[in-house]
């Protein structure tokens, strides 16, 4: 990461929005798109939405904010490939319109494309859908864990946070607590993963503060209440 991006990351983490906007204005168009992705990763979805012209980044920011209808509109012209389809599925889930059959169809698409990131996102989403049947949720989440292992990556913190809830609901108190602690350790501040992990650890005040700091729509906590 170049010096301007190190400075930008530091300013974002410190909440120096005025300085962030001044630095952003000095970046090239390509750098500005990278800055939007950085803002999203650091829990600043409104800034990411202001800065990005990329539909996938914009939709992801809108989903962080809980603006699912806007995300679907943003994705309307995108192809029926795994990454846009995974974002559409998340938007439909936020709206209460996603069936298990629907998410499974998108998971099949991600498998066909060999898109590890989309497979993990869909495994996580299906885990959320199935929390009422925690052993089914555990089976869905296991695929995401396996893909991470096969690709040489650490387990995704969002998946780990959902896994914690499934384990707790299945009666595995110690396992669930360990998974939640791992998720919290690996998650970015102000991210959905951080919020969900805190809820699993029964730290509601910190979870609420995380949601407010990260501008997370209330829909992110709903499956875990």
C-alpha atoms as a PDB file:
ATOM      1  CA  UNK A   1       0.000   0.000   0.000  1.00  0.00           C
ATOM      2  CA  UNK A   2       1.460   3.390  -0.967  1.00  0.00           C
ATOM      3  CA  UNK A   3       1.977   6.239   1.474  1.00  0.00           C
ATOM      4  CA  UNK A   4      -1.272   8.053   0.524  1.00  0.00           C
ATOM      5  CA  UNK A   5      -3.229   4.876   1.242  1.00  0.00           C
ATOM      6  CA  UNK A   6      -1.449   4.351   4.554  1.00  0.00           C
ATOM      7  CA  UNK A   7      -2.405   7.913   5.460  1.00  0.00           C
ATOM      8  CA  UNK A   8      -5.943   7.401   4.219  1.00  0.00           C
ATOM      9  CA  UNK A   9      -6.358   4.209   6.239  1.00  0.00           C
ATOM     10  CA  UNK A  10      -5.081   5.945   9.374  1.00  0.00           C
ATOM     11  CA  UNK A  11      -7.436   8.889   8.872  1.00  0.00           C
ATOM     12  CA  UNK A  12     -10.397   6.581   8.289  1.00  0.00           C
ATOM     13  CA  UNK A  13      -9.600   4.636  11.447  1.00  0.00           C
ATOM     14  CA  UNK A  14      -9.333   7.898  13.410  1.00  0.00           C
ATOM     15  CA  UNK A  15     -12.562   9.273  11.929  1.00  0.00           C
ATOM     16  CA  UNK A  16     -10.895  12.355  10.410  1.00  0.00           C
ATOM     17  CA  UNK A  17     -13.501  12.721   7.674  1.00  0.00           C
ATOM     18  CA  UNK A  18     -12.523  16.244   6.575  1.00  0.00           C
ATOM     19  CA  UNK A  19      -8.885  15.252   6.076  1.00  0.00           C
ATOM     20  CA  UNK A  20      -9.977  12.038   4.366  1.00  0.00           C
ATOM     21  CA  UNK A  21     -12.028  13.968   1.830  1.00  0.00           C
ATOM     22  CA  UNK A  22      -9.138  16.368   1.173  1.00  0.00           C
ATOM     23  CA  UNK A  23      -6.743  13.493   0.517  1.00  0.00           C
ATOM     24  CA  UNK A  24      -9.300  11.662  -1.596  1.00  0.00           C
ATOM     25  CA  UNK A  25      -9.616  14.681  -3.924  1.00  0.00           C
ATOM     26  CA  UNK A  26      -5.897  14.390  -4.732  1.00  0.00           C
ATOM     27  CA  UNK A  27      -6.148  10.774  -5.924  1.00  0.00           C
ATOM     28  CA  UNK A  28      -6.503   9.546  -9.481  1.00  0.00           C
ATOM     29  CA  UNK A  29      -9.769   7.904 -10.579  1.00  0.00           C
ATOM     30  CA  UNK A  30      -8.227   4.441 -10.188  1.00  0.00           C
ATOM     31  CA  UNK A  31      -6.879   5.313  -6.753  1.00  0.00           C
ATOM     32  CA  UNK A  32     -10.259   6.708  -5.747  1.00  0.00           C
ATOM     33  CA  UNK A  33     -11.873   3.353  -6.531  1.00  0.00           C
ATOM     34  CA  UNK A  34      -9.278   1.625  -4.365  1.00  0.00           C
ATOM     35  CA  UNK A  35      -9.987   4.171  -1.645  1.00  0.00           C
ATOM     36  CA  UNK A  36     -13.683   3.316  -1.809  1.00  0.00           C
ATOM     37  CA  UNK A  37     -12.882  -0.347  -1.232  1.00  0.00           C
ATOM     38  CA  UNK A  38     -10.665   0.623   1.685  1.00  0.00           C
ATOM     39  CA  UNK A  39     -13.416   2.771   3.190  1.00  0.00           C
ATOM     40  CA  UNK A  40     -15.855  -0.125   2.946  1.00  0.00           C
ATOM     41  CA  UNK A  41     -13.381  -2.534   4.535  1.00  0.00           C
ATOM     42  CA  UNK A  42     -12.808  -0.101   7.419  1.00  0.00           C
ATOM     43  CA  UNK A  43     -16.493   0.324   8.184  1.00  0.00           C
ATOM     44  CA  UNK A  44     -17.262   3.533   6.302  1.00  0.00           C
ATOM     45  CA  UNK A  45     -19.984   2.454   3.844  1.00  0.00           C
ATOM     46  CA  UNK A  46     -21.370   5.953   3.274  1.00  0.00           C
ATOM     47  CA  UNK A  47     -17.956   7.174   2.152  1.00  0.00           C
ATOM     48  CA  UNK A  48     -17.541   4.084  -0.027  1.00  0.00           C
ATOM     49  CA  UNK A  49     -20.887   4.800  -1.647  1.00  0.00           C
ATOM     50  CA  UNK A  50     -19.943   8.436  -2.228  1.00  0.00           C
ATOM     51  CA  UNK A  51     -16.615   7.497  -3.778  1.00  0.00           C
ATOM     52  CA  UNK A  52     -17.212   4.368  -5.819  1.00  0.00           C
ATOM     53  CA  UNK A  53     -18.607   3.974  -9.308  1.00  0.00           C
ATOM     54  CA  UNK A  54     -18.207   0.195  -9.276  1.00  0.00           C
ATOM     55  CA  UNK A  55     -21.622  -1.490  -8.973  1.00  0.00           C
ATOM     56  CA  UNK A  56     -20.348  -4.334  -6.789  1.00  0.00           C
ATOM     57  CA  UNK A  57     -18.668  -1.988  -4.319  1.00  0.00           C
ATOM     58  CA  UNK A  58     -21.698   0.286  -4.291  1.00  0.00           C
ATOM     59  CA  UNK A  59     -24.088  -2.622  -3.724  1.00  0.00           C
ATOM     60  CA  UNK A  60     -21.923  -3.980  -0.906  1.00  0.00           C
ATOM     61  CA  UNK A  61     -21.951  -0.542   0.751  1.00  0.00           C
ATOM     62  CA  UNK A  62     -25.714  -0.283   0.374  1.00  0.00           C
ATOM     63  CA  UNK A  63     -26.102  -3.689   1.982  1.00  0.00           C
ATOM     64  CA  UNK A  64     -23.952  -2.605   4.930  1.00  0.00           C
ATOM     65  CA  UNK A  65     -26.356   0.302   5.361  1.00  0.00           C
ATOM     66  CA  UNK A  66     -29.342  -2.041   5.133  1.00  0.00           C
ATOM     67  CA  UNK A  67     -30.566  -0.455   1.897  1.00  0.00           C
ATOM     68  CA  UNK A  68     -31.395  -3.682   0.100  1.00  0.00           C
ATOM     69  CA  UNK A  69     -33.780  -2.223  -2.479  1.00  0.00           C
ATOM     70  CA  UNK A  70     -31.089   0.220  -3.589  1.00  0.00           C
ATOM     71  CA  UNK A  71     -28.561  -2.612  -3.811  1.00  0.00           C
ATOM     72  CA  UNK A  72     -30.865  -4.595  -6.093  1.00  0.00           C
ATOM     73  CA  UNK A  73     -31.309  -1.538  -8.311  1.00  0.00           C
ATOM     74  CA  UNK A  74     -27.535  -1.045  -8.422  1.00  0.00           C
ATOM     75  CA  UNK A  75     -27.054  -4.663  -9.498  1.00  0.00           C
ATOM     76  CA  UNK A  76     -29.842  -4.649 -12.061  1.00  0.00           C
ATOM     77  CA  UNK A  77     -27.554  -4.408 -15.095  1.00  0.00           C
ATOM     78  CA  UNK A  78     -24.891  -6.748 -13.739  1.00  0.00           C
ATOM     79  CA  UNK A  79     -24.447 -10.214 -15.292  1.00  0.00           C
ATOM     80  CA  UNK A  80     -25.833 -13.383 -13.727  1.00  0.00           C
ATOM     81  CA  UNK A  81     -22.406 -14.439 -12.474  1.00  0.00           C
ATOM     82  CA  UNK A  82     -21.512 -15.577  -8.978  1.00  0.00           C
ATOM     83  CA  UNK A  83     -20.341 -12.310  -7.375  1.00  0.00           C
ATOM     84  CA  UNK A  84     -23.346 -10.163  -8.367  1.00  0.00           C
ATOM     85  CA  UNK A  85     -25.649 -13.104  -7.680  1.00  0.00           C
ATOM     86  CA  UNK A  86     -24.255 -13.473  -4.151  1.00  0.00           C
ATOM     87  CA  UNK A  87     -24.908  -9.787  -3.468  1.00  0.00           C
ATOM     88  CA  UNK A  88     -28.430 -10.105  -4.884  1.00  0.00           C
ATOM     89  CA  UNK A  89     -29.034 -13.079  -2.594  1.00  0.00           C
ATOM     90  CA  UNK A  90     -27.885 -11.074   0.428  1.00  0.00           C
ATOM     91  CA  UNK A  91     -30.216  -8.237  -0.578  1.00  0.00           C
ATOM     92  CA  UNK A  92     -33.129 -10.634  -0.950  1.00  0.00           C
ATOM     93  CA  UNK A  93     -32.318 -12.105   2.475  1.00  0.00           C
ATOM     94  CA  UNK A  94     -32.392  -8.636   4.007  1.00  0.00           C
ATOM     95  CA  UNK A  95     -35.812  -8.122   2.444  1.00  0.00           C
ATOM     96  CA  UNK A  96     -37.093 -11.482   3.693  1.00  0.00           C
ATOM     97  CA  UNK A  97     -37.502 -12.763   0.128  1.00  0.00           C
ATOM     98  CA  UNK A  98     -34.768 -15.397  -0.126  1.00  0.00           C
ATOM     99  CA  UNK A  99     -35.683 -19.072   0.039  1.00  0.00           C
ATOM    100  CA  UNK A 100     -33.278 -21.904   0.730  1.00  0.00           C
ATOM    101  CA  UNK A 101     -33.832 -23.072  -2.831  1.00  0.00           C
ATOM    102  CA  UNK A 102     -32.875 -19.624  -4.085  1.00  0.00           C
ATOM    103  CA  UNK A 103     -29.634 -19.466  -2.140  1.00  0.00           C
ATOM    104  CA  UNK A 104     -28.793 -23.035  -3.158  1.00  0.00           C
ATOM    105  CA  UNK A 105     -29.148 -22.088  -6.831  1.00  0.00           C
ATOM    106  CA  UNK A 106     -26.672 -19.242  -6.363  1.00  0.00           C
ATOM    107  CA  UNK A 107     -24.330 -21.576  -4.483  1.00  0.00           C
ATOM    108  CA  UNK A 108     -24.438 -24.009  -7.410  1.00  0.00           C
ATOM    109  CA  UNK A 109     -23.499 -21.126  -9.724  1.00  0.00           C
ATOM    110  CA  UNK A 110     -20.542 -20.200  -7.517  1.00  0.00           C
ATOM    111  CA  UNK A 111     -19.403 -23.825  -7.503  1.00  0.00           C
ATOM    112  CA  UNK A 112     -19.605 -23.998 -11.295  1.00  0.00           C
ATOM    113  CA  UNK A 113     -17.494 -20.859 -11.622  1.00  0.00           C
ATOM    114  CA  UNK A 114     -15.056 -22.034  -8.959  1.00  0.00           C
ATOM    115  CA  UNK A 115     -15.413 -18.700  -7.171  1.00  0.00           C
ATOM    116  CA  UNK A 116     -14.147 -19.411  -3.667  1.00  0.00           C
ATOM    117  CA  UNK A 117     -15.157 -16.022  -2.285  1.00  0.00           C
ATOM    118  CA  UNK A 118     -18.714 -16.387  -3.539  1.00  0.00           C
ATOM    119  CA  UNK A 119     -18.947 -19.955  -2.215  1.00  0.00           C
ATOM    120  CA  UNK A 120     -17.887 -18.785   1.246  1.00  0.00           C
ATOM    121  CA  UNK A 121     -20.340 -15.879   1.120  1.00  0.00           C
ATOM    122  CA  UNK A 122     -23.170 -18.210   0.135  1.00  0.00           C
ATOM    123  CA  UNK A 123     -22.241 -20.799   2.760  1.00  0.00           C
ATOM    124  CA  UNK A 124     -22.334 -18.019   5.351  1.00  0.00           C
ATOM    125  CA  UNK A 125     -25.685 -16.758   4.102  1.00  0.00           C
ATOM    126  CA  UNK A 126     -27.198 -20.236   4.086  1.00  0.00           C
ATOM    127  CA  UNK A 127     -25.920 -20.738   7.623  1.00  0.00           C
ATOM    128  CA  UNK A 128     -27.869 -17.650   8.656  1.00  0.00           C
ATOM    129  CA  UNK A 129     -30.958 -18.918   6.865  1.00  0.00           C
ATOM    130  CA  UNK A 130     -30.804 -22.222   8.713  1.00  0.00           C
ATOM    131  CA  UNK A 131     -30.057 -21.074  12.257  1.00  0.00           C
ATOM    132  CA  UNK A 132     -33.501 -22.308  13.296  1.00  0.00           C
ATOM    133  CA  UNK A 133     -32.146 -25.789  12.436  1.00  0.00           C
ATOM    134  CA  UNK A 134     -28.594 -25.451  13.766  1.00  0.00           C
ATOM    135  CA  UNK A 135     -27.266 -28.812  12.596  1.00  0.00           C
ATOM    136  CA  UNK A 136     -28.341 -27.989   9.033  1.00  0.00           C
ATOM    137  CA  UNK A 137     -26.650 -24.603   9.448  1.00  0.00           C
ATOM    138  CA  UNK A 138     -23.449 -26.336  10.568  1.00  0.00           C
ATOM    139  CA  UNK A 139     -23.463 -28.512   7.441  1.00  0.00           C
ATOM    140  CA  UNK A 140     -23.859 -25.472   5.202  1.00  0.00           C
ATOM    141  CA  UNK A 141     -21.115 -23.552   6.984  1.00  0.00           C
ATOM    142  CA  UNK A 142     -18.760 -26.535   6.773  1.00  0.00           C
ATOM    143  CA  UNK A 143     -18.517 -26.053   3.012  1.00  0.00           C
ATOM    144  CA  UNK A 144     -17.211 -22.525   3.483  1.00  0.00           C
ATOM    145  CA  UNK A 145     -14.643 -23.728   6.001  1.00  0.00           C
ATOM    146  CA  UNK A 146     -13.505 -26.457   3.600  1.00  0.00           C
ATOM    147  CA  UNK A 147     -13.118 -24.027   0.700  1.00  0.00           C
ATOM    148  CA  UNK A 148     -11.020 -21.695   2.846  1.00  0.00           C
ATOM    149  CA  UNK A 149      -8.818 -24.622   3.842  1.00  0.00           C
ATOM    150  CA  UNK A 150      -8.411 -25.836   0.258  1.00  0.00           C
ATOM    151  CA  UNK A 151      -7.448 -22.366  -0.976  1.00  0.00           C
ATOM    152  CA  UNK A 152      -4.941 -21.851   1.832  1.00  0.00           C
ATOM    153  CA  UNK A 153      -6.849 -19.067   3.575  1.00  0.00           C
ATOM    154  CA  UNK A 154      -7.915 -18.567   7.158  1.00  0.00           C
ATOM    155  CA  UNK A 155     -11.580 -19.063   7.894  1.00  0.00           C
ATOM    156  CA  UNK A 156     -13.671 -16.031   7.014  1.00  0.00           C
ATOM    157  CA  UNK A 157     -14.570 -14.056  10.173  1.00  0.00           C
ATOM    158  CA  UNK A 158     -18.184 -13.514   9.073  1.00  0.00           C
ATOM    159  CA  UNK A 159     -18.579 -17.253   8.554  1.00  0.00           C
ATOM    160  CA  UNK A 160     -16.953 -17.932  11.938  1.00  0.00           C
ATOM    161  CA  UNK A 161     -19.338 -15.528  13.643  1.00  0.00           C
ATOM    162  CA  UNK A 162     -22.369 -17.259  12.131  1.00  0.00           C
ATOM    163  CA  UNK A 163     -20.798 -20.618  12.988  1.00  0.00           C
ATOM    164  CA  UNK A 164     -20.580 -19.519  16.611  1.00  0.00           C
ATOM    165  CA  UNK A 165     -24.324 -18.910  16.738  1.00  0.00           C
ATOM    166  CA  UNK A 166     -25.059 -22.272  15.111  1.00  0.00           C
ATOM    167  CA  UNK A 167     -22.786 -24.070  17.563  1.00  0.00           C
ATOM    168  CA  UNK A 168     -24.348 -22.310  20.528  1.00  0.00           C
ATOM    169  CA  UNK A 169     -27.840 -23.206  19.342  1.00  0.00           C
ATOM    170  CA  UNK A 170     -26.736 -26.810  18.838  1.00  0.00           C
ATOM    171  CA  UNK A 171     -25.648 -26.955  22.473  1.00  0.00           C
ATOM    172  CA  UNK A 172     -21.913 -26.478  21.977  1.00  0.00           C
ATOM    173  CA  UNK A 173     -21.226 -23.676  24.430  1.00  0.00           C
ATOM    174  CA  UNK A 174     -17.437 -23.989  24.493  1.00  0.00           C
ATOM    175  CA  UNK A 175     -17.129 -24.471  20.722  1.00  0.00           C
ATOM    176  CA  UNK A 176     -19.446 -21.570  20.026  1.00  0.00           C
ATOM    177  CA  UNK A 177     -17.568 -19.280  22.369  1.00  0.00           C
ATOM    178  CA  UNK A 178     -14.214 -20.184  20.799  1.00  0.00           C
ATOM    179  CA  UNK A 179     -15.576 -19.575  17.296  1.00  0.00           C
ATOM    180  CA  UNK A 180     -16.989 -16.206  18.342  1.00  0.00           C
ATOM    181  CA  UNK A 181     -13.675 -15.199  19.916  1.00  0.00           C
ATOM    182  CA  UNK A 182     -11.803 -16.174  16.719  1.00  0.00           C
ATOM    183  CA  UNK A 183     -14.302 -14.241  14.614  1.00  0.00           C
ATOM    184  CA  UNK A 184     -13.909 -11.163  16.796  1.00  0.00           C
ATOM    185  CA  UNK A 185     -10.112 -11.398  16.673  1.00  0.00           C
ATOM    186  CA  UNK A 186     -10.064 -11.645  12.870  1.00  0.00           C
ATOM    187  CA  UNK A 187     -12.891  -9.263  12.000  1.00  0.00           C
ATOM    188  CA  UNK A 188     -12.477  -5.666  10.919  1.00  0.00           C
ATOM    189  CA  UNK A 189     -13.800  -3.094  13.389  1.00  0.00           C
ATOM    190  CA  UNK A 190     -17.338  -1.954  12.624  1.00  0.00           C
ATOM    191  CA  UNK A 191     -17.960  -4.918  10.288  1.00  0.00           C
ATOM    192  CA  UNK A 192     -20.946  -7.281  10.259  1.00  0.00           C
ATOM    193  CA  UNK A 193     -18.615 -10.065  11.406  1.00  0.00           C
ATOM    194  CA  UNK A 194     -17.609  -8.035  14.460  1.00  0.00           C
ATOM    195  CA  UNK A 195     -21.240  -7.257  15.278  1.00  0.00           C
ATOM    196  CA  UNK A 196     -22.361 -10.888  14.946  1.00  0.00           C
ATOM    197  CA  UNK A 197     -19.432 -12.175  17.008  1.00  0.00           C
ATOM    198  CA  UNK A 198     -20.201  -9.725  19.820  1.00  0.00           C
ATOM    199  CA  UNK A 199     -23.819 -10.877  19.830  1.00  0.00           C
ATOM    200  CA  UNK A 200     -22.657 -14.484  20.131  1.00  0.00           C
ATOM    201  CA  UNK A 201     -20.497 -13.492  23.093  1.00  0.00           C
ATOM    202  CA  UNK A 202     -23.502 -11.777  24.705  1.00  0.00           C
ATOM    203  CA  UNK A 203     -21.956  -8.318  24.623  1.00  0.00           C
ATOM    204  CA  UNK A 204     -24.984  -6.372  23.377  1.00  0.00           C
ATOM    205  CA  UNK A 205     -23.790  -2.886  24.317  1.00  0.00           C
ATOM    206  CA  UNK A 206     -20.568  -3.347  22.352  1.00  0.00           C
ATOM    207  CA  UNK A 207     -22.534  -4.850  19.485  1.00  0.00           C
ATOM    208  CA  UNK A 208     -24.804  -1.813  19.365  1.00  0.00           C
ATOM    209  CA  UNK A 209     -21.820   0.534  19.445  1.00  0.00           C
ATOM    210  CA  UNK A 210     -20.216  -1.441  16.608  1.00  0.00           C
ATOM    211  CA  UNK A 211     -23.385  -1.224  14.527  1.00  0.00           C
ATOM    212  CA  UNK A 212     -23.593   2.532  15.047  1.00  0.00           C
ATOM    213  CA  UNK A 213     -19.903   3.113  14.305  1.00  0.00           C
ATOM    214  CA  UNK A 214     -20.067   0.967  11.166  1.00  0.00           C
ATOM    215  CA  UNK A 215     -23.398   2.395   9.973  1.00  0.00           C
ATOM    216  CA  UNK A 216     -24.779  -1.128   9.870  1.00  0.00           C
ATOM    217  CA  UNK A 217     -28.460  -1.483   9.161  1.00  0.00           C
ATOM    218  CA  UNK A 218     -30.439  -3.176  11.914  1.00  0.00           C
ATOM    219  CA  UNK A 219     -31.129  -6.059   9.543  1.00  0.00           C
ATOM    220  CA  UNK A 220     -27.615  -7.426  10.179  1.00  0.00           C
ATOM    221  CA  UNK A 221     -28.464  -8.284  13.793  1.00  0.00           C
ATOM    222  CA  UNK A 222     -31.962  -9.567  13.122  1.00  0.00           C
ATOM    223  CA  UNK A 223     -31.165 -13.284  12.507  1.00  0.00           C
ATOM    224  CA  UNK A 224     -29.183 -13.431  15.764  1.00  0.00           C
ATOM    225  CA  UNK A 225     -31.662 -11.838  18.140  1.00  0.00           C
END
